[in-house]
Amino acid sequence: MRKGRSVSLEVFYINADLARAAAKSGSTQAAAQGTATVAGQTVTLNNAPLYASSTTNKPSAHKTGVYYLYDSAVINGRRRITNLLSRVGKKPVGQNVTGWVNDADCKGVTSAGAAEGKTAAAKKTGTDIAEYVESLTYVDSAADNSDSVDITLDAQDGKWLRGWMPNKGATLSPRIIGRDWDSTGDTRAIRCGLFVLDDISFSDAPTTFQIGGVSKPSNTDYTELDREYLLKNTSIKRIASTIAARYGLQFAFDADDYDIESDEQDGTDSSYLNELCKNYGLILKVYASRLWIYDRERYKEKRAAVTVDRTQIKPGSFSYRTTLFGTYPGG
């Protein structure tokens, strides 16, 4: 009999000060090893404790021999390993990861000819806070508004009021994971993107911590610094590319470009670029450190990604609304 579907969360919390300290520590360690640690590199273990997760206290076994780094992430001082090079980075994670080992036990790291992409990936610093999440609301906006995430956390142990209190530049990277979706072992994940925290509140009895984030560059100049520019002989794509580079964002453009003979920016990069795109019928979206501009009408002509039949809808989860004048129907 097939297992029932289930949903879980993976939420990486990166606090700016803590991340800088971790990055400094990581670069020192990499220098001592003589190489950056990335997915696919070999790790020599000597009776090293193996854990079922990044947070479990008791090891499930001890390992000796050569293994491979499953990815470049270091979480709670531990790394994921796998016993075959062909399993590096492959999904589902549960079938391809041997387990977690302490970072300190990863001696003799050498290149195995495999990496995440064509270049060495940066070490992922941060803490998986999924175990503290009581509720998560994720809004994916197609246009006009930034994507947003709101999370309520269990703060009973006091960490959030002390060392984990968010500071300027703190970010969240949530992932929603569905298991046994269409068949046993069918694991799927939705990457919600990267969110800069901009709203924080606390309540007691019970002790909970509420944090909200929006998808925008961590550099506040994007939405707060007014600029005055006279732009000549340029285009929407060139303007957007320049702004993306200013904040270290990747840039994607999926629309017809328009030449601009002369235009004047008097405001923030965020408001100016958003208004410019609106004037030409284009959509601006910031997602996962990427600035993306696309043509809504062109996307309407694309094939549907998925068609949901009424029999597939969970009873009570769907509603329909319409008015006779003025608005589109909604479901």
C-alpha atoms as a PDB file:
ATOM      1  CA  MET A   1       0.000   0.000   0.000  1.00  0.00           C
ATOM      2  CA  ARG A   2       1.341   3.440  -0.927  1.00  0.00           C
ATOM      3  CA  LYS A   3       2.309   5.769   1.903  1.00  0.00           C
ATOM      4  CA  GLY A   4       0.173   8.836   2.411  1.00  0.00           C
ATOM      5  CA  ARG A   5       1.402  12.177   1.147  1.00  0.00           C
ATOM      6  CA  SER A   6       3.221  14.393   3.629  1.00  0.00           C
ATOM      7  CA  VAL A   7       4.631  17.908   3.666  1.00  0.00           C
ATOM      8  CA  SER A   8       7.638  19.173   5.607  1.00  0.00           C
ATOM      9  CA  LEU A   9       9.718  22.352   5.773  1.00  0.00           C
ATOM     10  CA  GLU A  10      13.350  23.314   5.453  1.00  0.00           C
ATOM     11  CA  VAL A  11      13.953  26.931   6.491  1.00  0.00           C
ATOM     12  CA  PHE A  12      17.492  28.307   6.528  1.00  0.00           C
ATOM     13  CA  TYR A  13      17.983  31.348   8.734  1.00  0.00           C
ATOM     14  CA  ILE A  14      21.056  33.441   8.004  1.00  0.00           C
ATOM     15  CA  ASN A  15      21.859  36.219  10.453  1.00  0.00           C
ATOM     16  CA  ALA A  16      24.308  38.697   8.927  1.00  0.00           C
ATOM     17  CA  ASP A  17      26.791  38.874  11.826  1.00  0.00           C
ATOM     18  CA  LEU A  18      26.717  35.109  12.373  1.00  0.00           C
ATOM     19  CA  ALA A  19      27.110  34.452   8.643  1.00  0.00           C
ATOM     20  CA  ARG A  20      30.158  36.706   8.419  1.00  0.00           C
ATOM     21  CA  ALA A  21      31.748  34.881  11.352  1.00  0.00           C
ATOM     22  CA  ALA A  22      30.959  31.497   9.814  1.00  0.00           C
ATOM     23  CA  ALA A  23      32.302  32.569   6.432  1.00  0.00           C
ATOM     24  CA  LYS A  24      35.549  33.759   8.041  1.00  0.00           C
ATOM     25  CA  SER A  25      35.874  30.488   9.946  1.00  0.00           C
ATOM     26  CA  GLY A  26      35.082  28.487   6.806  1.00  0.00           C
ATOM     27  CA  SER A  27      37.690  30.282   4.701  1.00  0.00           C
ATOM     28  CA  THR A  28      40.312  29.641   7.399  1.00  0.00           C
ATOM     29  CA  GLN A  29      39.439  25.960   7.464  1.00  0.00           C
ATOM     30  CA  ALA A  30      39.515  25.700   3.677  1.00  0.00           C
ATOM     31  CA  ALA A  31      42.917  27.348   3.600  1.00  0.00           C
ATOM     32  CA  ALA A  32      44.197  24.852   6.155  1.00  0.00           C
ATOM     33  CA  GLN A  33      42.921  21.975   4.006  1.00  0.00           C
ATOM     34  CA  GLY A  34      44.355  23.557   0.872  1.00  0.00           C
ATOM     35  CA  THR A  35      41.051  23.450  -1.029  1.00  0.00           C
ATOM     36  CA  ALA A  36      37.481  24.754  -0.962  1.00  0.00           C
ATOM     37  CA  THR A  37      34.975  22.097   0.083  1.00  0.00           C
ATOM     38  CA  VAL A  38      32.275  21.499  -2.529  1.00  0.00           C
ATOM     39  CA  ALA A  39      29.880  18.736  -3.540  1.00  0.00           C
ATOM     40  CA  GLY A  40      31.551  15.620  -4.923  1.00  0.00           C
ATOM     41  CA  GLN A  41      34.801  15.908  -3.042  1.00  0.00           C
ATOM     42  CA  THR A  42      36.058  12.824  -1.218  1.00  0.00           C
ATOM     43  CA  VAL A  43      36.154  12.637   2.571  1.00  0.00           C
ATOM     44  CA  THR A  44      38.262  10.127   4.485  1.00  0.00           C
ATOM     45  CA  LEU A  45      36.564   9.025   7.727  1.00  0.00           C
ATOM     46  CA  ASN A  46      38.176   7.189  10.625  1.00  0.00           C
ATOM     47  CA  ASN A  47      35.586   5.666  12.969  1.00  0.00           C
ATOM     48  CA  ALA A  48      33.581   8.895  12.644  1.00  0.00           C
ATOM     49  CA  PRO A  49      30.102   9.061  14.215  1.00  0.00           C
ATOM     50  CA  LEU A  50      27.273   9.086  11.661  1.00  0.00           C
ATOM     51  CA  TYR A  51      24.023  10.907  12.483  1.00  0.00           C
ATOM     52  CA  ALA A  52      20.540  10.635  11.011  1.00  0.00           C
ATOM     53  CA  SER A  53      20.141  14.433  10.839  1.00  0.00           C
ATOM     54  CA  SER A  54      21.932  17.699  11.554  1.00  0.00           C
ATOM     55  CA  THR A  55      20.297  17.948  14.995  1.00  0.00           C
ATOM     56  CA  THR A  56      20.200  14.423  16.473  1.00  0.00           C
ATOM     57  CA  ASN A  57      22.491  13.926  19.475  1.00  0.00           C
ATOM     58  CA  LYS A  58      23.076  10.158  19.350  1.00  0.00           C
ATOM     59  CA  PRO A  59      25.005   8.666  16.393  1.00  0.00           C
ATOM     60  CA  SER A  60      23.345   5.818  14.502  1.00  0.00           C
ATOM     61  CA  ALA A  61      26.677   4.260  13.464  1.00  0.00           C
ATOM     62  CA  HIS A  62      30.413   4.885  13.046  1.00  0.00           C
ATOM     63  CA  LYS A  63      32.043   5.013   9.606  1.00  0.00           C
ATOM     64  CA  THR A  64      35.573   4.382   8.339  1.00  0.00           C
ATOM     65  CA  GLY A  65      36.636   4.788   4.711  1.00  0.00           C
ATOM     66  CA  VAL A  66      36.215   7.107   1.748  1.00  0.00           C
ATOM     67  CA  TYR A  67      32.913   8.918   1.186  1.00  0.00           C
ATOM     68  CA  TYR A  68      31.752  11.935  -0.858  1.00  0.00           C
ATOM     69  CA  LEU A  69      30.281  15.288   0.177  1.00  0.00           C
ATOM     70  CA  TYR A  70      26.646  15.271  -0.910  1.00  0.00           C
ATOM     71  CA  ASP A  71      26.630  19.089  -1.135  1.00  0.00           C
ATOM     72  CA  SER A  72      28.624  22.051   0.183  1.00  0.00           C
ATOM     73  CA  ALA A  73      26.318  22.877   3.105  1.00  0.00           C
ATOM     74  CA  VAL A  74      27.529  22.952   6.697  1.00  0.00           C
ATOM     75  CA  ILE A  75      24.536  22.882   9.056  1.00  0.00           C
ATOM     76  CA  ASN A  76      24.936  22.890  12.825  1.00  0.00           C
ATOM     77  CA  GLY A  77      28.571  21.924  12.309  1.00  0.00           C
ATOM     78  CA  ARG A  78      27.707  18.841  10.231  1.00  0.00           C
ATOM     79  CA  ARG A  79      27.876  17.762   6.581  1.00  0.00           C
ATOM     80  CA  ARG A  80      25.886  15.293   4.501  1.00  0.00           C
ATOM     81  CA  ILE A  81      27.856  12.466   2.901  1.00  0.00           C
ATOM     82  CA  THR A  82      27.084   9.719   0.384  1.00  0.00           C
ATOM     83  CA  ASN A  83      28.858   6.463  -0.435  1.00  0.00           C
ATOM     84  CA  LEU A  84      28.783   6.799  -4.244  1.00  0.00           C
ATOM     85  CA  LEU A  85      29.936   9.669  -6.457  1.00  0.00           C
ATOM     86  CA  SER A  86      26.924   9.072  -8.725  1.00  0.00           C
ATOM     87  CA  ARG A  87      24.611   9.979  -5.821  1.00  0.00           C
ATOM     88  CA  VAL A  88      26.073  13.434  -5.176  1.00  0.00           C
ATOM     89  CA  GLY A  89      23.300  16.042  -5.192  1.00  0.00           C
ATOM     90  CA  LYS A  90      20.668  13.588  -6.444  1.00  0.00           C
ATOM     91  CA  LYS A  91      17.071  13.439  -5.229  1.00  0.00           C
ATOM     92  CA  PRO A  92      15.343  12.119  -3.249  1.00  0.00           C
ATOM     93  CA  VAL A  93      17.718  13.011  -0.460  1.00  0.00           C
ATOM     94  CA  GLY A  94      16.651  10.088   1.748  1.00  0.00           C
ATOM     95  CA  GLN A  95      17.745   7.537  -0.857  1.00  0.00           C
ATOM     96  CA  ASN A  96      21.061   9.170  -1.756  1.00  0.00           C
ATOM     97  CA  VAL A  97      22.464  10.528   1.524  1.00  0.00           C
ATOM     98  CA  THR A  98      24.276   8.081   3.800  1.00  0.00           C
ATOM     99  CA  GLY A  99      23.996  10.405   6.783  1.00  0.00           C
ATOM    100  CA  TRP A 100      25.493  13.392   8.577  1.00  0.00           C
ATOM    101  CA  VAL A 101      29.023  13.633   9.984  1.00  0.00           C
ATOM    102  CA  ASN A 102      30.733  16.313  12.037  1.00  0.00           C
ATOM    103  CA  ASP A 103      32.603  18.859   9.954  1.00  0.00           C
ATOM    104  CA  ALA A 104      35.650  18.290  12.171  1.00  0.00           C
ATOM    105  CA  ASP A 105      35.713  14.625  11.062  1.00  0.00           C
ATOM    106  CA  CYS A 106      35.932  15.529   7.362  1.00  0.00           C
ATOM    107  CA  LYS A 107      39.686  15.095   7.047  1.00  0.00           C
ATOM    108  CA  GLY A 108      41.637  14.609   3.851  1.00  0.00           C
ATOM    109  CA  VAL A 109      39.140  16.386   1.590  1.00  0.00           C
ATOM    110  CA  THR A 110      40.287  16.083  -2.059  1.00  0.00           C
ATOM    111  CA  SER A 111      38.769  16.857  -5.429  1.00  0.00           C
ATOM    112  CA  ALA A 112      36.751  14.066  -7.016  1.00  0.00           C
ATOM    113  CA  GLY A 113      36.179  15.866 -10.282  1.00  0.00           C
ATOM    114  CA  ALA A 114      32.635  16.818  -9.442  1.00  0.00           C
ATOM    115  CA  ALA A 115      31.186  20.110  -8.229  1.00  0.00           C
ATOM    116  CA  GLU A 116      27.919  21.984  -8.026  1.00  0.00           C
ATOM    117  CA  GLY A 117      27.827  23.457 -11.524  1.00  0.00           C
ATOM    118  CA  LYS A 118      31.012  24.288 -13.389  1.00  0.00           C
ATOM    119  CA  THR A 119      32.627  26.292 -10.595  1.00  0.00           C
ATOM    120  CA  ALA A 120      33.130  25.767  -6.902  1.00  0.00           C
ATOM    121  CA  ALA A 121      29.965  26.616  -5.008  1.00  0.00           C
ATOM    122  CA  ALA A 122      30.127  28.963  -2.040  1.00  0.00           C
ATOM    123  CA  LYS A 123      29.755  27.352   1.350  1.00  0.00           C
ATOM    124  CA  LYS A 124      26.196  27.594   2.590  1.00  0.00           C
ATOM    125  CA  THR A 125      26.104  29.102   6.053  1.00  0.00           C
ATOM    126  CA  GLY A 126      23.016  29.211   8.170  1.00  0.00           C
ATOM    127  CA  THR A 127      20.797  27.288  10.549  1.00  0.00           C
ATOM    128  CA  ASP A 128      17.839  25.096   9.640  1.00  0.00           C
ATOM    129  CA  ILE A 129      15.054  26.416  11.897  1.00  0.00           C
ATOM    130  CA  ALA A 130      12.255  24.166  10.612  1.00  0.00           C
ATOM    131  CA  GLU A 131      11.916  22.460  14.010  1.00  0.00           C
ATOM    132  CA  TYR A 132      10.905  25.817  15.556  1.00  0.00           C
ATOM    133  CA  VAL A 133       8.288  26.732  12.916  1.00  0.00           C
ATOM    134  CA  GLU A 134       4.696  26.650  14.148  1.00  0.00           C
ATOM    135  CA  SER A 135       3.195  28.144  10.996  1.00  0.00           C
ATOM    136  CA  LEU A 136       4.422  29.497   7.661  1.00  0.00           C
ATOM    137  CA  THR A 137       2.547  31.575   5.098  1.00  0.00           C
ATOM    138  CA  TYR A 138       4.165  32.041   1.695  1.00  0.00           C
ATOM    139  CA  VAL A 139       2.773  34.419  -0.946  1.00  0.00           C
ATOM    140  CA  ASP A 140       4.149  34.158  -4.496  1.00  0.00           C
ATOM    141  CA  SER A 141       3.203  37.351  -6.324  1.00  0.00           C
ATOM    142  CA  ALA A 142       3.235  37.339 -10.119  1.00  0.00           C
ATOM    143  CA  ALA A 143       3.403  41.127 -10.371  1.00  0.00           C
ATOM    144  CA  ASP A 144       3.308  44.488  -8.588  1.00  0.00           C
ATOM    145  CA  ASN A 145       4.181  43.176  -5.104  1.00  0.00           C
ATOM    146  CA  SER A 146       7.217  41.391  -3.715  1.00  0.00           C
ATOM    147  CA  ASP A 147       6.923  37.747  -2.685  1.00  0.00           C
ATOM    148  CA  SER A 148       6.526  37.495   1.070  1.00  0.00           C
ATOM    149  CA  VAL A 149       6.825  34.986   3.881  1.00  0.00           C
ATOM    150  CA  ASP A 150       5.450  35.154   7.434  1.00  0.00           C
ATOM    151  CA  ILE A 151       6.575  32.668  10.069  1.00  0.00           C
ATOM    152  CA  THR A 152       5.537  32.042  13.665  1.00  0.00           C
ATOM    153  CA  LEU A 153       8.271  30.390  15.728  1.00  0.00           C
ATOM    154  CA  ASP A 154       8.334  28.580  19.036  1.00  0.00           C
ATOM    155  CA  ALA A 155      10.682  30.740  21.151  1.00  0.00           C
ATOM    156  CA  GLN A 156      10.359  28.904  24.471  1.00  0.00           C
ATOM    157  CA  ASP A 157      14.083  28.196  24.886  1.00  0.00           C
ATOM    158  CA  GLY A 158      15.038  31.886  24.581  1.00  0.00           C
ATOM    159  CA  LYS A 159      17.429  31.577  21.614  1.00  0.00           C
ATOM    160  CA  TRP A 160      15.463  34.062  19.531  1.00  0.00           C
ATOM    161  CA  LEU A 161      15.622  36.708  22.247  1.00  0.00           C
ATOM    162  CA  ARG A 162      19.379  36.352  22.627  1.00  0.00           C
ATOM    163  CA  GLY A 163      21.921  35.232  20.016  1.00  0.00           C
ATOM    164  CA  TRP A 164      19.413  34.592  17.219  1.00  0.00           C
ATOM    165  CA  MET A 165      17.691  37.979  17.317  1.00  0.00           C
ATOM    166  CA  PRO A 166      17.659  39.150  13.647  1.00  0.00           C
ATOM    167  CA  ASN A 167      19.796  42.125  12.705  1.00  0.00           C
ATOM    168  CA  LYS A 168      20.007  44.190   9.535  1.00  0.00           C
ATOM    169  CA  GLY A 169      20.560  41.924   6.555  1.00  0.00           C
ATOM    170  CA  ALA A 170      19.164  38.746   8.145  1.00  0.00           C
ATOM    171  CA  THR A 171      17.561  36.435   5.578  1.00  0.00           C
ATOM    172  CA  LEU A 172      15.348  33.368   5.298  1.00  0.00           C
ATOM    173  CA  SER A 173      15.466  30.698   2.602  1.00  0.00           C
ATOM    174  CA  PRO A 174      12.407  28.389   2.953  1.00  0.00           C
ATOM    175  CA  ARG A 175      11.745  25.185   1.034  1.00  0.00           C
ATOM    176  CA  ILE A 176       8.462  23.241   1.129  1.00  0.00           C
ATOM    177  CA  ILE A 177       8.997  19.502   0.631  1.00  0.00           C
ATOM    178  CA  GLY A 178       6.281  17.066  -0.430  1.00  0.00           C
ATOM    179  CA  ARG A 179       6.961  13.350   0.013  1.00  0.00           C
ATOM    180  CA  ASP A 180       5.297  10.284  -1.546  1.00  0.00           C
ATOM    181  CA  TRP A 181       3.332  12.592  -3.833  1.00  0.00           C
ATOM    182  CA  ASP A 182       2.345  10.490  -6.840  1.00  0.00           C
ATOM    183  CA  SER A 183       4.061   7.313  -5.673  1.00  0.00           C
ATOM    184  CA  THR A 184       6.195   6.024  -2.806  1.00  0.00           C
ATOM    185  CA  GLY A 185       9.547   7.794  -2.854  1.00  0.00           C
ATOM    186  CA  ASP A 186       8.312  10.625  -5.106  1.00  0.00           C
ATOM    187  CA  THR A 187       9.789  13.696  -3.382  1.00  0.00           C
ATOM    188  CA  ARG A 188       9.173  17.218  -4.659  1.00  0.00           C
ATOM    189  CA  ALA A 189      10.319  20.598  -3.390  1.00  0.00           C
ATOM    190  CA  ILE A 190       9.228  24.199  -3.862  1.00  0.00           C
ATOM    191  CA  ARG A 191      12.016  26.712  -3.328  1.00  0.00           C
ATOM    192  CA  CYS A 192      10.263  29.808  -2.045  1.00  0.00           C
ATOM    193  CA  GLY A 193      13.257  32.080  -2.646  1.00  0.00           C
ATOM    194  CA  LEU A 194      15.417  34.305  -0.479  1.00  0.00           C
ATOM    195  CA  PHE A 195      13.701  36.754   1.868  1.00  0.00           C
ATOM    196  CA  VAL A 196      15.092  39.740   3.749  1.00  0.00           C
ATOM    197  CA  LEU A 197      13.513  40.077   7.197  1.00  0.00           C
ATOM    198  CA  ASP A 198      11.650  43.368   7.599  1.00  0.00           C
ATOM    199  CA  ASP A 199       9.031  42.745  10.303  1.00  0.00           C
ATOM    200  CA  ILE A 200       9.662  41.230  13.730  1.00  0.00           C
ATOM    201  CA  SER A 201       7.352  40.838  16.716  1.00  0.00           C
ATOM    202  CA  PHE A 202       7.297  38.863  19.953  1.00  0.00           C
ATOM    203  CA  SER A 203       4.532  37.623  22.215  1.00  0.00           C
ATOM    204  CA  ASP A 204       4.609  35.760  25.503  1.00  0.00           C
ATOM    205  CA  ALA A 205       2.593  33.083  27.307  1.00  0.00           C
ATOM    206  CA  PRO A 206       3.166  31.052  25.198  1.00  0.00           C
ATOM    207  CA  THR A 207       6.457  32.484  23.953  1.00  0.00           C
ATOM    208  CA  THR A 208       6.335  32.944  20.174  1.00  0.00           C
ATOM    209  CA  PHE A 209       8.348  34.962  17.720  1.00  0.00           C
ATOM    210  CA  GLN A 210       6.812  36.311  14.482  1.00  0.00           C
ATOM    211  CA  ILE A 211       9.056  37.250  11.566  1.00  0.00           C
ATOM    212  CA  GLY A 212       8.127  38.476   8.109  1.00  0.00           C
ATOM    213  CA  GLY A 213      10.301  38.829   5.050  1.00  0.00           C
ATOM    214  CA  VAL A 214      10.087  40.093   1.479  1.00  0.00           C
ATOM    215  CA  SER A 215      12.010  39.137  -1.649  1.00  0.00           C
ATOM    216  CA  LYS A 216      14.308  42.073  -2.277  1.00  0.00           C
ATOM    217  CA  PRO A 217      18.071  42.705  -2.166  1.00  0.00           C
ATOM    218  CA  SER A 218      19.522  42.836   1.351  1.00  0.00           C
ATOM    219  CA  ASN A 219      21.129  46.153   0.349  1.00  0.00           C
ATOM    220  CA  THR A 220      18.489  48.667   1.484  1.00  0.00           C
ATOM    221  CA  ASP A 221      19.616  51.206  -1.134  1.00  0.00           C
ATOM    222  CA  TYR A 222      17.417  49.339  -3.647  1.00  0.00           C
ATOM    223  CA  THR A 223      14.240  50.554  -1.943  1.00  0.00           C
ATOM    224  CA  GLU A 224      15.438  53.519   0.146  1.00  0.00           C
ATOM    225  CA  LEU A 225      18.101  55.524  -1.701  1.00  0.00           C
ATOM    226  CA  ASP A 226      16.787  58.190  -4.091  1.00  0.00           C
ATOM    227  CA  ARG A 227      18.845  58.655  -7.259  1.00  0.00           C
ATOM    228  CA  GLU A 228      18.700  61.288  -9.985  1.00  0.00           C
ATOM    229  CA  TYR A 229      19.867  60.160 -13.404  1.00  0.00           C
ATOM    230  CA  LEU A 230      19.377  61.403 -16.954  1.00  0.00           C
ATOM    231  CA  LEU A 231      19.337  58.338 -19.198  1.00  0.00           C
ATOM    232  CA  LYS A 232      19.967  58.611 -22.952  1.00  0.00           C
ATOM    233  CA  ASN A 233      20.202  56.159 -25.854  1.00  0.00           C
ATOM    234  CA  THR A 234      19.591  53.069 -23.773  1.00  0.00           C
ATOM    235  CA  SER A 235      16.936  50.341 -23.378  1.00  0.00           C
ATOM    236  CA  ILE A 236      14.869  48.674 -20.669  1.00  0.00           C
ATOM    237  CA  LYS A 237      17.134  45.634 -20.675  1.00  0.00           C
ATOM    238  CA  ARG A 238      20.326  47.680 -20.301  1.00  0.00           C
ATOM    239  CA  ILE A 239      18.833  49.804 -17.502  1.00  0.00           C
ATOM    240  CA  ALA A 240      17.622  46.733 -15.601  1.00  0.00           C
ATOM    241  CA  SER A 241      20.930  44.922 -16.113  1.00  0.00           C
ATOM    242  CA  THR A 242      22.821  47.895 -14.654  1.00  0.00           C
ATOM    243  CA  ILE A 243      20.550  48.038 -11.606  1.00  0.00           C
ATOM    244  CA  ALA A 244      20.818  44.265 -11.051  1.00  0.00           C
ATOM    245  CA  ALA A 245      24.628  44.444 -11.183  1.00  0.00           C
ATOM    246  CA  ARG A 246      24.582  47.310  -8.668  1.00  0.00           C
ATOM    247  CA  TYR A 247      23.140  44.952  -6.029  1.00  0.00           C
ATOM    248  CA  GLY A 248      24.889  41.749  -7.060  1.00  0.00           C
ATOM    249  CA  LEU A 249      21.687  40.207  -8.455  1.00  0.00           C
ATOM    250  CA  GLN A 250      21.518  37.709 -11.288  1.00  0.00           C
ATOM    251  CA  PHE A 251      19.496  39.067 -14.200  1.00  0.00           C
ATOM    252  CA  ALA A 252      16.994  37.418 -16.541  1.00  0.00           C
ATOM    253  CA  PHE A 253      15.003  39.135 -19.302  1.00  0.00           C
ATOM    254  CA  ASP A 254      12.250  37.282 -21.199  1.00  0.00           C
ATOM    255  CA  ALA A 255      10.497  39.935 -23.275  1.00  0.00           C
ATOM    256  CA  ASP A 256      10.954  42.202 -26.283  1.00  0.00           C
ATOM    257  CA  ASP A 257      13.395  44.978 -25.437  1.00  0.00           C
ATOM    258  CA  TYR A 258      12.453  48.622 -26.034  1.00  0.00           C
ATOM    259  CA  ASP A 259      14.857  51.406 -26.962  1.00  0.00           C
ATOM    260  CA  ILE A 260      14.708  54.505 -24.765  1.00  0.00           C
ATOM    261  CA  GLU A 261      15.966  57.708 -26.345  1.00  0.00           C
ATOM    262  CA  SER A 262      15.757  59.751 -23.140  1.00  0.00           C
ATOM    263  CA  ASP A 263      14.371  59.225 -19.638  1.00  0.00           C
ATOM    264  CA  GLU A 264      14.939  60.588 -16.150  1.00  0.00           C
ATOM    265  CA  GLN A 265      15.143  58.645 -12.903  1.00  0.00           C
ATOM    266  CA  ASP A 266      14.093  60.588  -9.832  1.00  0.00           C
ATOM    267  CA  GLY A 267      13.602  58.099  -7.013  1.00  0.00           C
ATOM    268  CA  THR A 268      14.753  54.705  -5.804  1.00  0.00           C
ATOM    269  CA  ASP A 269      15.941  51.997  -8.179  1.00  0.00           C
ATOM    270  CA  SER A 270      13.046  49.811  -7.061  1.00  0.00           C
ATOM    271  CA  SER A 271      10.270  52.333  -7.768  1.00  0.00           C
ATOM    272  CA  TYR A 272      11.834  53.605 -10.987  1.00  0.00           C
ATOM    273  CA  LEU A 273      12.386  50.189 -12.549  1.00  0.00           C
ATOM    274  CA  ASN A 274       8.953  48.952 -11.501  1.00  0.00           C
ATOM    275  CA  GLU A 275       7.248  52.007 -13.040  1.00  0.00           C
ATOM    276  CA  LEU A 276       9.351  51.721 -16.197  1.00  0.00           C
ATOM    277  CA  CYS A 277       8.308  48.097 -16.664  1.00  0.00           C
ATOM    278  CA  LYS A 278       4.634  48.952 -16.077  1.00  0.00           C
ATOM    279  CA  ASN A 279       4.755  51.660 -18.730  1.00  0.00           C
ATOM    280  CA  TYR A 280       5.870  49.085 -21.302  1.00  0.00           C
ATOM    281  CA  GLY A 281       3.545  46.296 -20.163  1.00  0.00           C
ATOM    282  CA  LEU A 282       6.310  44.213 -18.562  1.00  0.00           C
ATOM    283  CA  ILE A 283       6.454  42.485 -15.189  1.00  0.00           C
ATOM    284  CA  LEU A 284       9.295  42.963 -12.707  1.00  0.00           C
ATOM    285  CA  LYS A 285      10.004  40.307 -10.088  1.00  0.00           C
ATOM    286  CA  VAL A 286      12.841  39.783  -7.605  1.00  0.00           C
ATOM    287  CA  TYR A 287      13.234  36.119  -6.662  1.00  0.00           C
ATOM    288  CA  ALA A 288      16.098  34.209  -4.983  1.00  0.00           C
ATOM    289  CA  SER A 289      18.721  36.930  -5.597  1.00  0.00           C
ATOM    290  CA  ARG A 290      17.629  37.253  -9.227  1.00  0.00           C
ATOM    291  CA  LEU A 291      16.014  40.261 -10.919  1.00  0.00           C
ATOM    292  CA  TRP A 292      13.633  38.938 -13.544  1.00  0.00           C
ATOM    293  CA  ILE A 293      11.615  40.847 -16.160  1.00  0.00           C
ATOM    294  CA  TYR A 294       9.075  39.079 -18.344  1.00  0.00           C
ATOM    295  CA  ASP A 295       6.124  39.686 -20.685  1.00  0.00           C
ATOM    296  CA  ARG A 296       2.852  38.626 -19.027  1.00  0.00           C
ATOM    297  CA  GLU A 297       1.007  38.263 -22.356  1.00  0.00           C
ATOM    298  CA  ARG A 298       3.735  36.020 -23.723  1.00  0.00           C
ATOM    299  CA  TYR A 299       3.460  33.800 -20.662  1.00  0.00           C
ATOM    300  CA  LYS A 300      -0.313  33.546 -21.008  1.00  0.00           C
ATOM    301  CA  GLU A 301       0.273  31.858 -24.368  1.00  0.00           C
ATOM    302  CA  LYS A 302       2.495  29.160 -22.884  1.00  0.00           C
ATOM    303  CA  ARG A 303       1.191  25.663 -22.218  1.00  0.00           C
ATOM    304  CA  ALA A 304      -0.283  25.029 -18.791  1.00  0.00           C
ATOM    305  CA  ALA A 305       2.252  23.662 -16.312  1.00  0.00           C
ATOM    306  CA  VAL A 306      -0.416  21.472 -14.714  1.00  0.00           C
ATOM    307  CA  THR A 307      -4.171  20.948 -14.992  1.00  0.00           C
ATOM    308  CA  VAL A 308      -6.078  20.209 -11.777  1.00  0.00           C
ATOM    309  CA  ASP A 309      -9.259  18.163 -12.051  1.00  0.00           C
ATOM    310  CA  ARG A 310     -12.081  18.651  -9.538  1.00  0.00           C
ATOM    311  CA  THR A 311     -11.564  15.084  -8.285  1.00  0.00           C
ATOM    312  CA  GLN A 312      -7.992  16.038  -7.236  1.00  0.00           C
ATOM    313  CA  ILE A 313      -9.087  18.935  -5.036  1.00  0.00           C
ATOM    314  CA  LYS A 314      -9.154  18.359  -1.293  1.00  0.00           C
ATOM    315  CA  PRO A 315     -12.752  18.848  -0.106  1.00  0.00           C
ATOM    316  CA  GLY A 316     -13.251  22.252   1.487  1.00  0.00           C
ATOM    317  CA  SER A 317     -10.005  23.722   0.109  1.00  0.00           C
ATOM    318  CA  PHE A 318     -11.409  25.467  -2.986  1.00  0.00           C
ATOM    319  CA  SER A 319     -13.710  28.467  -3.277  1.00  0.00           C
ATOM    320  CA  TYR A 320     -14.950  30.515  -6.245  1.00  0.00           C
ATOM    321  CA  ARG A 321     -15.905  34.180  -6.386  1.00  0.00           C
ATOM    322  CA  THR A 322     -17.150  36.488  -9.124  1.00  0.00           C
ATOM    323  CA  THR A 323     -18.897  39.838  -9.544  1.00  0.00           C
ATOM    324  CA  LEU A 324     -21.012  40.999 -12.457  1.00  0.00           C
ATOM    325  CA  PHE A 325     -18.896  44.072 -13.177  1.00  0.00           C
ATOM    326  CA  GLY A 326     -15.382  45.314 -12.828  1.00  0.00           C
ATOM    327  CA  THR A 327     -13.219  42.377 -11.778  1.00  0.00           C
ATOM    328  CA  TYR A 328     -11.987  39.008 -12.963  1.00  0.00           C
ATOM    329  CA  PRO A 329     -13.468  35.852 -11.426  1.00  0.00           C
ATOM    330  CA  GLY A 330     -11.232  34.267  -8.817  1.00  0.00           C
ATOM    331  CA  GLY A 331     -10.608  30.827  -7.391  1.00  0.00           C
END
